[in-house]
Amino acid sequence: MSIARAAIVRFFLFKNMIVLTPFAGIFYSGIIAAAWWNNSRRSASKIAAAEETARRLVDEAIREAENLKKNKLLEAQDEIRRRMKEFESNADAKRDALQSSERRIQHHEENIRHRLDLLTDKEKEIQLAEIKTRELHLRLQEKKDEAVRIIEEQNLRLESISGISREDAKKVLIENFVNIAKTEAAQIVKDLRDAAKAEAKKEAQRIIMQAIQRTASEHSVETTVSTVYLQSEEMKGRIIGREGRNIRTFESVTGVDLIVDDTPDAVIISSFDPFRREVASVALERLMNDGRMHPARIEEVVEKVRIELEEEIGRIGEDALLELGIHNVHPEIIRHVGKMRYRTSYGQNLLKHSMEVAWICGIMAAELGLDTTTAKRAGLLHDIGKVIDRDTEGPHALLGYELAKRFNENPFVANAIGSHHEDIAMETPYAALVQSADAISGSRPGARRESLEGYIKRLEKLESLALSFEGVVKTFALQAGREVRVIVEPDKVDDLTADRLSNDIAAKIRQDMEFPGQIKVIVIREKRSTAYAK
């Protein structure tokens, strides 16, 4: 195009000259035509080259699209195969879990059959004891008959010797020997009967206590355990530690029983105290995520988690009060409300029960034209005495009443707390509302289970009893109350004293408590020395 423009410019510049000189014009016209033809040929070659480049780019794009399509198909096939493998792996894992559950169920069934066989054997033993008792009665009857015969012979002999008439002698002999025979026979019968009754009663009590103990332990496991799922099966070995030092430290500082069994990728935390179970669960998860697992780190993490959960208790109490629309509550009472989260009342969560009572009180108060906020406040705090330190003795209603008065709670609320079990006189309608709402919440089907509350009280008493000995720092009741672990101060209790202490605690338990089976007392004494190099 630049050549054509130059030709045109030259044409216009020499226009006049072309006109004046015809030959020069023809010459320049040829030049212009040649330039145009050259330019047209170059344009055609460029267009052809561009078309060739376009065809080549299209072909390359088609080839790349085909390659991309093949790659995507291969990736999709790989993904399908990978997902199929994952599905098969999950199916195998679930199948293994089902088989493991079937084996455990079969094991339980075998245990039950074994227990039934034991009970059948005991029944046979009792039947044999009854047969022996009947045989003794028969022998006793024979002795009686023999005594009658001897008496008859003696009567005849005495009659001949004394010269007394048979009738008179008979009266004397009858009065003497019959009285003696009756006395002896009655004594023998009494002794045999008492021995048989004592033996039968002892045997029956032993059988019943064994049945109760087994039933109670299985029921307790269902309601006092938490499951922590592991990242891998190898984590169990790290939790146990070398020679079991990690698991011993963990159980000592948390007061729970850590069960590492055949359950795949999971461990069981057992304790009657929900707060201890929560501390242990959170601490174990943090230790697994952190990767460092040794006694010093375990103690550090458990203490940190315990402090965090103590702070969380305050937030739980604030959330409960906020949900109920209750304000201006003393911080210490808020903390006690949060502690209800980790307490139970006859198997019913104490915080949920108290909030339920509060809502019921508020509804009834609204129907009666009373202050709903005061009613809900009294309902929420009515069982606050149950979370006061267990070393404080007294009915929980009176303990809650004293706590409410100490922190200047509304007098109507304090009276409702103290009188909902009629420990003090009811002075306001709110007290009657709280008592009624408490009964409604506790008596609805499935709300409570008396046996669990009694079980927890028994374990708390067991811990308190062991803690009363000098040198004892901590006590933990485990294995549904069949084991108590006692942590002692190593500076105050030596090895010999620890042996004597375990026997003393066992004797105290036998004296002050009633329990089925046996309770194992373990005294743990551990001495640690720490130094720092600077």
Protein backbone atom coordinates (compact mmCIF):
# COMPACT_ATOMS: atom_id res chain seq x y z
CA MET A 1 0.00 0.00 0.00
CA SER A 2 2.92 2.42 0.74
CA ILE A 3 4.26 1.90 -2.81
CA ALA A 4 0.84 2.67 -4.31
CA ARG A 5 0.58 5.86 -2.27
CA ALA A 6 4.04 6.94 -3.47
CA ALA A 7 3.03 6.32 -7.05
CA ILE A 8 -0.13 8.34 -6.68
CA VAL A 9 1.81 11.20 -5.09
CA ARG A 10 4.26 11.18 -7.89
CA PHE A 11 1.40 11.13 -10.36
CA PHE A 12 -0.08 14.26 -8.93
CA LEU A 13 3.31 16.00 -8.67
CA PHE A 14 4.14 15.41 -12.28
CA LYS A 15 0.67 15.81 -13.63
CA ASN A 16 1.52 18.91 -15.54
CA MET A 17 4.68 17.39 -16.88
CA ILE A 18 2.77 14.37 -18.15
CA VAL A 19 0.34 16.60 -19.94
CA LEU A 20 3.15 18.57 -21.51
CA THR A 21 5.23 15.57 -22.41
CA PRO A 22 3.17 12.56 -23.61
CA PHE A 23 6.04 10.18 -23.60
CA ALA A 24 6.91 10.95 -20.04
CA GLY A 25 3.25 10.40 -19.07
CA ILE A 26 3.18 6.99 -20.70
CA PHE A 27 6.37 6.08 -18.87
CA TYR A 28 5.01 7.07 -15.52
CA SER A 29 1.69 5.30 -16.20
CA GLY A 30 3.62 2.08 -16.73
CA ILE A 31 5.45 2.57 -13.49
CA ILE A 32 2.16 3.07 -11.64
CA ALA A 33 0.64 -0.04 -13.23
CA ALA A 34 3.66 -2.12 -12.31
CA ALA A 35 3.55 -0.88 -8.75
CA TRP A 36 -0.16 -1.75 -8.47
CA TRP A 37 0.41 -5.23 -9.90
CA ASN A 38 3.28 -5.88 -7.50
CA ASN A 39 1.23 -4.71 -4.56
CA SER A 40 -1.72 -6.92 -5.57
CA ARG A 41 0.55 -9.94 -5.82
CA ARG A 42 1.99 -9.29 -2.36
CA SER A 43 -1.50 -8.88 -0.89
CA ALA A 44 -2.59 -12.18 -2.44
CA SER A 45 0.45 -13.97 -1.01
CA LYS A 46 -0.23 -12.50 2.44
CA ILE A 47 -3.85 -13.61 2.28
CA ALA A 48 -2.79 -17.09 1.26
CA ALA A 49 -0.25 -17.20 4.10
CA ALA A 50 -2.88 -16.01 6.59
CA GLU A 51 -5.32 -18.65 5.39
CA GLU A 52 -2.62 -21.31 5.73
CA THR A 53 -1.82 -20.10 9.25
CA ALA A 54 -5.53 -20.15 10.14
CA ARG A 55 -5.90 -23.70 8.81
CA ARG A 56 -2.82 -24.77 10.76
CA LEU A 57 -4.14 -23.13 13.99
CA VAL A 58 -7.54 -24.78 13.49
CA ASP A 59 -5.88 -28.18 13.01
CA GLU A 60 -3.75 -27.66 16.12
CA ALA A 61 -6.82 -26.55 18.11
CA ILE A 62 -8.71 -29.66 16.96
CA ARG A 63 -5.77 -31.88 17.97
CA GLU A 64 -5.47 -30.14 21.36
CA ALA A 65 -9.23 -30.52 21.92
CA GLU A 66 -8.99 -34.23 21.09
CA ASN A 67 -6.04 -34.64 23.49
CA LEU A 68 -7.84 -32.67 26.19
CA LYS A 69 -10.93 -34.82 25.70
CA LYS A 70 -8.86 -37.99 26.03
CA ASN A 71 -7.13 -36.67 29.15
CA LYS A 72 -10.44 -35.74 30.76
CA LEU A 73 -11.86 -39.15 29.95
CA LEU A 74 -8.82 -40.80 31.54
CA GLU A 75 -9.11 -38.56 34.61
CA ALA A 76 -12.82 -39.36 34.91
CA GLN A 77 -12.06 -43.07 34.65
CA ASP A 78 -9.36 -42.72 37.33
CA GLU A 79 -11.77 -40.82 39.59
CA ILE A 80 -14.43 -43.49 39.09
CA ARG A 81 -11.93 -46.22 39.95
CA ARG A 82 -10.72 -44.24 43.02
CA ARG A 83 -14.28 -43.74 44.28
CA MET A 84 -15.04 -47.39 43.68
CA LYS A 85 -12.02 -48.29 45.80
CA GLU A 86 -13.13 -45.86 48.55
CA PHE A 87 -16.63 -47.32 48.45
CA GLU A 88 -15.27 -50.85 48.66
CA SER A 89 -12.96 -49.82 51.51
CA ASN A 90 -15.83 -48.19 53.43
CA ALA A 91 -18.01 -51.21 52.76
CA ASP A 92 -15.27 -53.51 54.06
CA ALA A 93 -14.85 -51.33 57.16
CA LYS A 94 -18.60 -51.35 57.84
CA ARG A 95 -18.71 -55.08 57.21
CA ASP A 96 -15.84 -55.55 59.71
CA ALA A 97 -17.63 -53.34 62.23
CA LEU A 98 -20.82 -55.38 61.82
CA GLN A 99 -18.90 -58.61 62.25
CA SER A 100 -17.21 -57.19 65.35
CA SER A 101 -20.61 -56.18 66.75
CA GLU A 102 -21.95 -59.65 66.01
CA ARG A 103 -19.01 -61.19 67.84
CA ARG A 104 -19.57 -58.93 70.85
CA ILE A 105 -23.28 -59.78 70.88
CA GLN A 106 -22.44 -63.47 70.66
CA HIS A 107 -19.97 -63.03 73.52
CA HIS A 108 -22.66 -61.32 75.63
CA GLU A 109 -25.08 -64.11 74.83
CA GLU A 110 -22.52 -66.69 75.91
CA ASN A 111 -21.99 -64.76 79.16
CA ILE A 112 -25.73 -64.69 79.77
CA ARG A 113 -26.00 -68.41 79.12
CA HIS A 114 -23.09 -68.97 81.49
CA ARG A 115 -24.79 -66.86 84.16
CA LEU A 116 -28.02 -68.79 83.69
CA ASP A 117 -26.09 -72.01 84.10
CA LEU A 118 -24.57 -70.67 87.32
CA LEU A 119 -28.00 -69.69 88.64
CA THR A 120 -29.33 -73.15 87.71
CA ASP A 121 -26.45 -74.75 89.60
CA LYS A 122 -27.17 -72.56 92.62
CA GLU A 123 -30.84 -73.56 92.50
CA LYS A 124 -29.80 -77.21 92.44
CA GLU A 125 -27.55 -76.59 95.45
CA ILE A 126 -30.46 -75.01 97.32
CA GLN A 127 -32.66 -77.95 96.42
CA LEU A 128 -29.99 -80.30 97.78
CA ALA A 129 -29.86 -78.23 100.95
CA GLU A 130 -33.63 -78.61 101.30
CA ILE A 131 -33.33 -82.37 100.79
CA LYS A 132 -30.67 -82.50 103.51
CA THR A 133 -32.94 -80.49 105.79
CA ARG A 134 -35.77 -82.96 105.24
CA GLU A 135 -33.40 -85.82 105.97
CA LEU A 136 -32.42 -84.09 109.21
CA HIS A 137 -36.09 -83.76 110.10
CA LEU A 138 -36.54 -87.50 109.48
CA ARG A 139 -33.57 -88.30 111.68
CA LEU A 140 -34.98 -86.04 114.32
CA GLN A 141 -38.27 -87.91 114.17
CA GLU A 142 -36.41 -91.19 114.57
CA LYS A 143 -34.63 -89.74 117.60
CA LYS A 144 -37.99 -88.75 119.02
CA ASP A 145 -39.33 -92.27 118.52
CA GLU A 146 -36.25 -93.72 120.14
CA ALA A 147 -36.67 -91.34 123.06
CA VAL A 148 -40.26 -92.47 123.50
CA ARG A 149 -39.13 -96.10 123.54
CA ILE A 150 -36.41 -95.39 126.10
CA ILE A 151 -38.88 -93.52 128.24
CA GLU A 152 -41.25 -96.49 128.12
CA GLU A 153 -38.50 -98.89 129.23
CA GLN A 154 -37.45 -96.57 132.03
CA ASN A 155 -41.03 -96.25 133.17
CA LEU A 156 -41.38 -100.02 133.47
CA ARG A 157 -38.09 -100.30 135.26
CA LEU A 158 -38.89 -97.50 137.70
CA GLU A 159 -42.32 -98.95 138.32
CA SER A 160 -40.84 -102.30 139.34
CA ILE A 161 -38.12 -100.76 141.49
CA SER A 162 -40.10 -98.07 143.27
CA GLY A 163 -43.28 -100.04 143.75
CA ILE A 164 -45.24 -97.02 142.63
CA SER A 165 -48.31 -97.70 140.58
CA ARG A 166 -47.90 -97.51 136.92
CA GLU A 167 -50.31 -94.68 136.58
CA ASP A 168 -48.55 -92.52 139.19
CA ALA A 169 -45.10 -93.34 137.84
CA LYS A 170 -46.30 -92.66 134.34
CA LYS A 171 -47.45 -89.23 135.32
CA VAL A 172 -44.11 -88.43 136.94
CA LEU A 173 -42.07 -89.88 134.09
CA ILE A 174 -44.20 -88.24 131.47
CA GLU A 175 -43.85 -84.86 133.10
CA ASN A 176 -40.08 -85.22 133.44
CA PHE A 177 -39.01 -86.92 130.25
CA VAL A 178 -41.54 -85.34 127.97
CA ASN A 179 -40.50 -81.87 129.11
CA ILE A 180 -36.83 -82.72 128.62
CA ALA A 181 -37.48 -84.34 125.25
CA LYS A 182 -39.53 -81.39 124.12
CA THR A 183 -36.83 -78.97 125.18
CA GLU A 184 -34.06 -80.90 123.46
CA ALA A 185 -36.11 -81.58 120.36
CA ALA A 186 -37.16 -77.95 120.13
CA GLN A 187 -33.56 -76.82 120.48
CA ILE A 188 -32.37 -79.25 117.81
CA VAL A 189 -35.13 -78.21 115.44
CA LYS A 190 -34.40 -74.54 116.11
CA ASP A 191 -30.69 -74.97 115.48
CA LEU A 192 -31.28 -76.90 112.27
CA ARG A 193 -33.87 -74.40 111.05
CA ASP A 194 -31.69 -71.39 111.87
CA ALA A 195 -28.66 -72.94 110.18
CA ALA A 196 -30.65 -73.81 107.07
CA LYS A 197 -32.25 -70.35 106.91
CA ALA A 198 -28.93 -68.56 107.43
CA GLU A 199 -27.21 -70.61 104.76
CA ALA A 200 -30.07 -70.24 102.31
CA LYS A 201 -30.36 -66.50 102.97
CA LYS A 202 -26.62 -65.97 102.56
CA GLU A 203 -26.58 -67.93 99.32
CA ALA A 204 -29.63 -66.10 97.97
CA GLN A 205 -28.12 -62.72 98.89
CA ARG A 206 -24.89 -63.61 97.13
CA ILE A 207 -26.71 -64.66 93.96
CA ILE A 208 -28.92 -61.55 93.99
CA MET A 209 -25.96 -59.23 94.65
CA GLN A 210 -24.01 -60.73 91.77
CA ALA A 211 -26.99 -60.24 89.44
CA ILE A 212 -27.47 -56.66 90.64
CA GLN A 213 -23.78 -55.88 90.26
CA ARG A 214 -23.63 -57.18 86.71
CA THR A 215 -26.83 -55.44 85.70
CA ALA A 216 -25.79 -52.16 87.34
CA SER A 217 -22.35 -52.14 85.72
CA GLU A 218 -23.76 -52.71 82.23
CA HIS A 219 -26.41 -50.03 82.74
CA SER A 220 -23.81 -47.62 84.11
CA VAL A 221 -21.60 -48.09 81.07
CA GLU A 222 -24.49 -47.03 78.83
CA THR A 223 -24.99 -43.76 80.71
CA THR A 224 -21.52 -42.80 81.89
CA VAL A 225 -19.23 -43.21 78.86
CA SER A 226 -18.04 -41.04 75.99
CA THR A 227 -16.50 -42.17 72.71
CA VAL A 228 -13.51 -40.41 71.14
CA TYR A 229 -12.79 -41.31 67.52
CA LEU A 230 -9.13 -41.60 66.58
CA GLN A 231 -7.39 -40.34 63.46
CA SER A 232 -5.89 -43.79 62.88
CA GLU A 233 -5.53 -47.15 64.60
CA GLU A 234 -1.85 -46.36 65.28
CA MET A 235 -2.94 -43.59 67.66
CA LYS A 236 -3.89 -46.22 70.27
CA GLY A 237 -0.25 -47.16 70.72
CA ARG A 238 0.72 -43.53 71.27
CA ILE A 239 -2.10 -43.07 73.78
CA ILE A 240 -0.90 -46.07 75.77
CA GLY A 241 2.73 -44.99 75.56
CA ARG A 242 5.87 -46.87 76.47
CA GLU A 243 5.03 -49.44 79.16
CA GLY A 244 1.66 -47.72 79.57
CA ARG A 245 3.02 -44.48 81.06
CA ASN A 246 0.86 -42.16 78.92
CA ILE A 247 -2.45 -43.86 79.70
CA ARG A 248 -1.59 -44.09 83.41
CA THR A 249 -0.79 -40.37 83.54
CA PHE A 250 -3.94 -39.50 81.60
CA GLU A 251 -6.18 -41.53 83.92
CA SER A 252 -4.45 -40.14 87.03
CA VAL A 253 -4.82 -36.46 86.12
CA THR A 254 -8.35 -36.70 84.66
CA GLY A 255 -9.91 -39.23 87.04
CA VAL A 256 -11.49 -41.25 84.23
CA ASP A 257 -11.07 -44.80 83.00
CA LEU A 258 -9.68 -44.90 79.44
CA ILE A 259 -10.73 -48.09 77.66
CA VAL A 260 -8.61 -48.99 74.63
CA ASP A 261 -10.23 -52.15 73.25
CA ASP A 262 -10.87 -53.73 69.87
CA THR A 263 -13.26 -50.99 68.75
CA PRO A 264 -11.77 -49.74 65.45
CA ASP A 265 -10.45 -46.16 65.47
CA ALA A 266 -12.10 -45.29 68.81
CA VAL A 267 -11.45 -45.29 72.57
CA ILE A 268 -13.99 -45.18 75.41
CA ILE A 269 -13.86 -42.69 78.31
CA SER A 270 -15.73 -43.90 81.39
CA SER A 271 -16.61 -41.79 84.45
CA PHE A 272 -19.74 -41.04 86.46
CA ASP A 273 -18.83 -37.31 86.48
CA PRO A 274 -19.85 -35.62 83.16
CA PHE A 275 -17.39 -32.74 83.75
CA ARG A 276 -14.46 -35.14 84.05
CA ARG A 277 -15.55 -36.95 80.88
CA GLU A 278 -15.75 -33.65 78.99
CA VAL A 279 -12.28 -32.57 80.18
CA ALA A 280 -10.83 -35.94 79.20
CA SER A 281 -12.50 -35.94 75.75
CA VAL A 282 -11.35 -32.43 74.82
CA ALA A 283 -7.84 -33.01 76.18
CA LEU A 284 -7.43 -36.29 74.29
CA GLU A 285 -8.55 -34.71 71.01
CA ARG A 286 -6.10 -31.84 71.48
CA LEU A 287 -3.25 -34.21 72.26
CA MET A 288 -3.98 -36.20 69.11
CA ASN A 289 -4.08 -33.04 66.97
CA ASP A 290 -0.92 -31.68 68.58
CA GLY A 291 1.03 -34.90 68.08
CA ARG A 292 3.09 -34.51 71.26
CA MET A 293 2.00 -37.11 73.77
CA HIS A 294 4.05 -37.66 76.94
CA PRO A 295 3.26 -37.35 80.68
CA ALA A 296 4.34 -33.72 81.08
CA ARG A 297 2.42 -32.62 77.97
CA ILE A 298 -0.65 -34.59 79.08
CA GLU A 299 -0.69 -32.83 82.46
CA GLU A 300 -0.25 -29.43 80.78
CA VAL A 301 -3.06 -29.95 78.25
CA VAL A 302 -5.49 -31.42 80.81
CA GLU A 303 -4.98 -28.50 83.18
CA LYS A 304 -5.42 -26.00 80.33
CA VAL A 305 -8.63 -27.71 79.17
CA ARG A 306 -9.95 -27.79 82.73
CA ILE A 307 -9.39 -24.02 83.06
CA GLU A 308 -11.07 -23.37 79.69
CA LEU A 309 -14.09 -25.46 80.63
CA GLU A 310 -14.35 -23.61 83.93
CA GLU A 311 -14.56 -20.41 81.88
CA GLU A 312 -17.04 -22.08 79.54
CA ILE A 313 -19.27 -22.80 82.54
CA GLY A 314 -19.79 -19.05 82.97
CA ARG A 315 -20.75 -18.63 79.31
CA ILE A 316 -23.21 -21.53 79.56
CA GLY A 317 -24.89 -19.87 82.55
CA GLU A 318 -25.13 -16.55 80.71
CA ASP A 319 -26.65 -18.20 77.64
CA ALA A 320 -29.28 -19.96 79.77
CA LEU A 321 -30.24 -16.72 81.50
CA LEU A 322 -30.32 -14.87 78.18
CA GLU A 323 -32.58 -17.51 76.63
CA LEU A 324 -35.03 -17.19 79.53
CA GLY A 325 -34.87 -13.38 79.55
CA ILE A 326 -33.50 -13.19 83.11
CA HIS A 327 -31.16 -10.29 84.01
CA ASN A 328 -29.32 -8.77 86.98
CA VAL A 329 -28.02 -12.06 88.36
CA HIS A 330 -24.94 -12.30 90.58
CA PRO A 331 -21.88 -13.69 88.71
CA GLU A 332 -21.44 -16.48 91.24
CA ILE A 333 -25.02 -17.62 90.72
CA ILE A 334 -24.44 -17.48 86.94
CA ARG A 335 -21.46 -19.78 87.41
CA HIS A 336 -23.57 -22.20 89.46
CA VAL A 337 -26.17 -22.22 86.68
CA GLY A 338 -23.46 -23.12 84.17
CA LYS A 339 -22.28 -25.98 86.41
CA MET A 340 -25.74 -27.53 86.07
CA ARG A 341 -24.74 -28.48 82.52
CA TYR A 342 -22.43 -31.13 83.98
CA ARG A 343 -24.79 -32.51 86.64
CA THR A 344 -27.72 -34.90 86.49
CA SER A 345 -30.84 -35.27 88.61
CA TYR A 346 -32.10 -38.86 88.62
CA GLY A 347 -30.61 -39.36 85.15
CA GLN A 348 -32.04 -36.05 83.84
CA ASN A 349 -29.64 -33.27 82.84
CA LEU A 350 -29.92 -30.69 85.62
CA LEU A 351 -29.66 -27.59 83.41
CA LYS A 352 -32.28 -28.85 80.94
CA HIS A 353 -34.54 -29.85 83.82
CA SER A 354 -34.17 -26.43 85.50
CA MET A 355 -34.84 -24.56 82.24
CA GLU A 356 -37.88 -26.74 81.62
CA VAL A 357 -39.17 -25.94 85.12
CA ALA A 358 -38.53 -22.25 84.43
CA TRP A 359 -40.58 -22.29 81.21
CA ILE A 360 -43.44 -24.15 82.92
CA CYS A 361 -43.39 -21.67 85.82
CA GLY A 362 -43.48 -18.75 83.39
CA ILE A 363 -46.46 -20.18 81.52
CA MET A 364 -48.44 -20.84 84.71
CA ALA A 365 -47.54 -17.44 86.13
CA ALA A 366 -48.82 -15.75 82.97
CA GLU A 367 -52.13 -17.61 83.29
CA LEU A 368 -52.45 -16.55 86.95
CA GLY A 369 -51.46 -12.93 86.35
CA LEU A 370 -48.17 -13.20 88.28
CA ASP A 371 -44.75 -11.86 87.31
CA THR A 372 -43.41 -14.30 84.70
CA THR A 373 -39.78 -13.19 85.11
CA THR A 374 -39.81 -13.89 88.85
CA ALA A 375 -41.47 -17.24 88.24
CA LYS A 376 -38.91 -18.26 85.61
CA ARG A 377 -36.08 -17.05 87.85
CA ALA A 378 -37.32 -19.21 90.73
CA GLY A 379 -37.81 -22.21 88.43
CA LEU A 380 -34.29 -21.96 86.99
CA LEU A 381 -32.61 -21.66 90.39
CA HIS A 382 -34.74 -24.17 92.34
CA ASP A 383 -32.12 -26.97 92.16
CA ILE A 384 -29.02 -24.77 92.39
CA GLY A 385 -28.16 -26.40 95.71
CA LYS A 386 -27.27 -29.62 93.85
CA VAL A 387 -24.16 -28.03 92.29
CA ILE A 388 -22.76 -26.66 95.55
CA ASP A 389 -19.59 -28.36 96.79
CA ARG A 390 -20.55 -31.89 97.77
CA ASP A 391 -18.56 -31.58 101.03
CA THR A 392 -21.31 -29.25 102.26
CA GLU A 393 -23.96 -31.29 104.03
CA GLY A 394 -27.69 -30.66 104.05
CA PRO A 395 -30.73 -30.89 101.75
CA HIS A 396 -30.12 -29.29 98.37
CA ALA A 397 -33.20 -27.09 98.75
CA LEU A 398 -31.84 -25.48 101.95
CA LEU A 399 -28.35 -25.19 100.46
CA GLY A 400 -29.78 -23.37 97.46
CA TYR A 401 -31.88 -21.18 99.79
CA GLU A 402 -28.78 -20.13 101.75
CA LEU A 403 -26.84 -19.47 98.53
CA ALA A 404 -29.64 -17.28 97.16
CA LYS A 405 -29.83 -15.27 100.39
CA ARG A 406 -26.04 -14.85 100.50
CA PHE A 407 -26.03 -13.21 97.07
CA ASN A 408 -29.10 -11.00 97.76
CA GLU A 409 -31.49 -12.88 95.49
CA ASN A 410 -35.16 -11.89 95.34
CA PRO A 411 -36.85 -13.07 98.63
CA PHE A 412 -39.69 -14.63 96.62
CA VAL A 413 -37.14 -16.63 94.61
CA ALA A 414 -35.18 -17.67 97.70
CA ASN A 415 -38.35 -18.90 99.44
CA ALA A 416 -39.39 -20.87 96.35
CA ILE A 417 -35.94 -22.51 96.25
CA GLY A 418 -36.02 -23.51 99.92
CA SER A 419 -39.64 -24.69 100.03
CA HIS A 420 -40.03 -26.68 96.80
CA HIS A 421 -39.44 -29.87 98.85
CA GLU A 422 -41.26 -28.43 101.91
CA ASP A 423 -38.05 -28.01 103.91
CA ILE A 424 -39.37 -24.56 104.86
CA ALA A 425 -42.86 -23.05 104.73
CA MET A 426 -44.17 -21.66 101.44
CA GLU A 427 -44.74 -17.91 101.66
CA THR A 428 -45.66 -16.95 98.08
CA PRO A 429 -47.55 -18.40 95.11
CA TYR A 430 -44.23 -18.71 93.27
CA ALA A 431 -43.17 -21.47 95.68
CA ALA A 432 -46.24 -23.53 94.76
CA LEU A 433 -45.58 -22.91 91.06
CA VAL A 434 -41.99 -24.15 91.38
CA GLN A 435 -43.06 -27.24 93.30
CA SER A 436 -45.70 -28.09 90.70
CA ALA A 437 -43.42 -27.43 87.72
CA ASP A 438 -40.64 -29.52 89.30
CA ALA A 439 -43.05 -32.44 89.70
CA ILE A 440 -44.31 -32.05 86.11
CA SER A 441 -40.80 -32.00 84.64
CA GLY A 442 -39.56 -34.92 86.73
CA SER A 443 -42.61 -37.16 86.36
CA ARG A 444 -43.09 -37.07 82.61
CA PRO A 445 -42.31 -40.45 80.97
CA GLY A 446 -38.62 -41.07 80.44
CA ALA A 447 -37.46 -37.90 82.19
CA ARG A 448 -35.68 -39.50 85.13
CA ARG A 449 -34.10 -42.72 86.23
CA GLU A 450 -33.73 -43.18 89.99
CA SER A 451 -31.08 -45.90 89.72
CA LEU A 452 -28.54 -43.63 88.01
CA GLU A 453 -28.87 -40.94 90.69
CA GLY A 454 -28.35 -43.48 93.44
CA TYR A 455 -25.40 -44.90 91.54
CA ILE A 456 -23.75 -41.46 91.27
CA LYS A 457 -24.35 -40.72 94.97
CA ARG A 458 -22.76 -44.04 95.90
CA LEU A 459 -19.66 -43.27 93.82
CA GLU A 460 -19.41 -39.76 95.28
CA LYS A 461 -19.60 -41.24 98.79
CA LEU A 462 -16.90 -43.74 97.86
CA GLU A 463 -14.57 -40.95 96.69
CA SER A 464 -15.29 -38.81 99.76
CA LEU A 465 -14.61 -41.71 102.10
CA ALA A 466 -11.20 -42.43 100.54
CA LEU A 467 -10.35 -38.70 100.49
CA SER A 468 -10.85 -38.45 104.26
CA PHE A 469 -7.55 -40.25 104.98
CA GLU A 470 -4.40 -38.24 105.71
CA GLY A 471 -1.99 -37.85 102.81
CA VAL A 472 -4.63 -38.47 100.12
CA VAL A 473 -4.71 -35.80 97.39
CA LYS A 474 -7.23 -37.12 94.85
CA THR A 475 -9.66 -40.02 94.58
CA PHE A 476 -11.36 -41.40 91.50
CA ALA A 477 -14.13 -44.01 91.46
CA LEU A 478 -13.98 -46.15 88.31
CA GLN A 479 -15.42 -49.33 86.80
CA ALA A 480 -18.99 -48.58 87.95
CA GLY A 481 -17.81 -48.28 91.56
CA ARG A 482 -15.89 -51.55 91.61
CA GLU A 483 -12.52 -49.75 91.72
CA VAL A 484 -11.28 -46.63 93.51
CA ARG A 485 -7.91 -45.05 92.70
CA VAL A 486 -6.25 -43.03 95.45
CA ILE A 487 -3.51 -40.51 94.63
CA VAL A 488 -1.29 -39.76 97.65
CA GLU A 489 1.42 -37.20 98.39
CA PRO A 490 4.79 -38.98 97.98
CA ASP A 491 6.42 -36.81 100.65
CA LYS A 492 3.86 -37.77 103.31
CA VAL A 493 3.14 -41.39 102.36
CA ASP A 494 5.95 -43.91 101.78
CA ASP A 495 5.61 -47.35 100.20
CA LEU A 496 4.90 -49.17 103.47
CA THR A 497 2.34 -46.57 104.49
CA ALA A 498 0.70 -46.87 101.06
CA ASP A 499 0.20 -50.61 101.61
CA ARG A 500 -1.33 -49.99 105.01
CA LEU A 501 -3.43 -47.13 103.64
CA SER A 502 -5.04 -49.36 100.98
CA ASN A 503 -6.05 -51.87 103.69
CA ASP A 504 -7.39 -49.10 105.95
CA ILE A 505 -9.48 -47.60 103.13
CA ALA A 506 -10.85 -51.05 102.23
CA ALA A 507 -11.78 -51.67 105.87
CA LYS A 508 -13.49 -48.25 106.08
CA ILE A 509 -15.48 -49.01 102.92
CA ARG A 510 -16.63 -52.35 104.33
CA GLN A 511 -17.69 -50.64 107.55
CA ASP A 512 -19.50 -47.57 106.20
CA MET A 513 -20.91 -48.64 102.83
CA GLU A 514 -23.23 -51.29 101.42
CA PHE A 515 -22.19 -52.57 98.01
CA PRO A 516 -22.52 -55.70 95.85
CA GLY A 517 -19.47 -57.81 95.05
CA GLN A 518 -16.12 -56.28 95.86
CA ILE A 519 -14.35 -52.93 95.51
CA LYS A 520 -10.69 -52.79 94.50
CA VAL A 521 -8.62 -50.08 96.23
CA ILE A 522 -5.50 -48.91 94.35
CA VAL A 523 -3.12 -46.48 96.09
CA ILE A 524 -0.84 -44.65 93.62
CA ARG A 525 2.34 -43.03 94.87
CA GLU A 526 4.54 -41.32 92.29
CA LYS A 527 7.65 -39.28 93.02
CA ARG A 528 8.88 -36.75 90.44
CA SER A 529 12.00 -34.62 90.61
CA THR A 530 12.39 -31.59 88.33
CA ALA A 531 15.40 -29.33 87.84
CA TYR A 532 16.22 -26.52 85.42
CA ALA A 533 19.63 -25.76 83.87
CA LYS A 534 20.14 -22.11 83.01
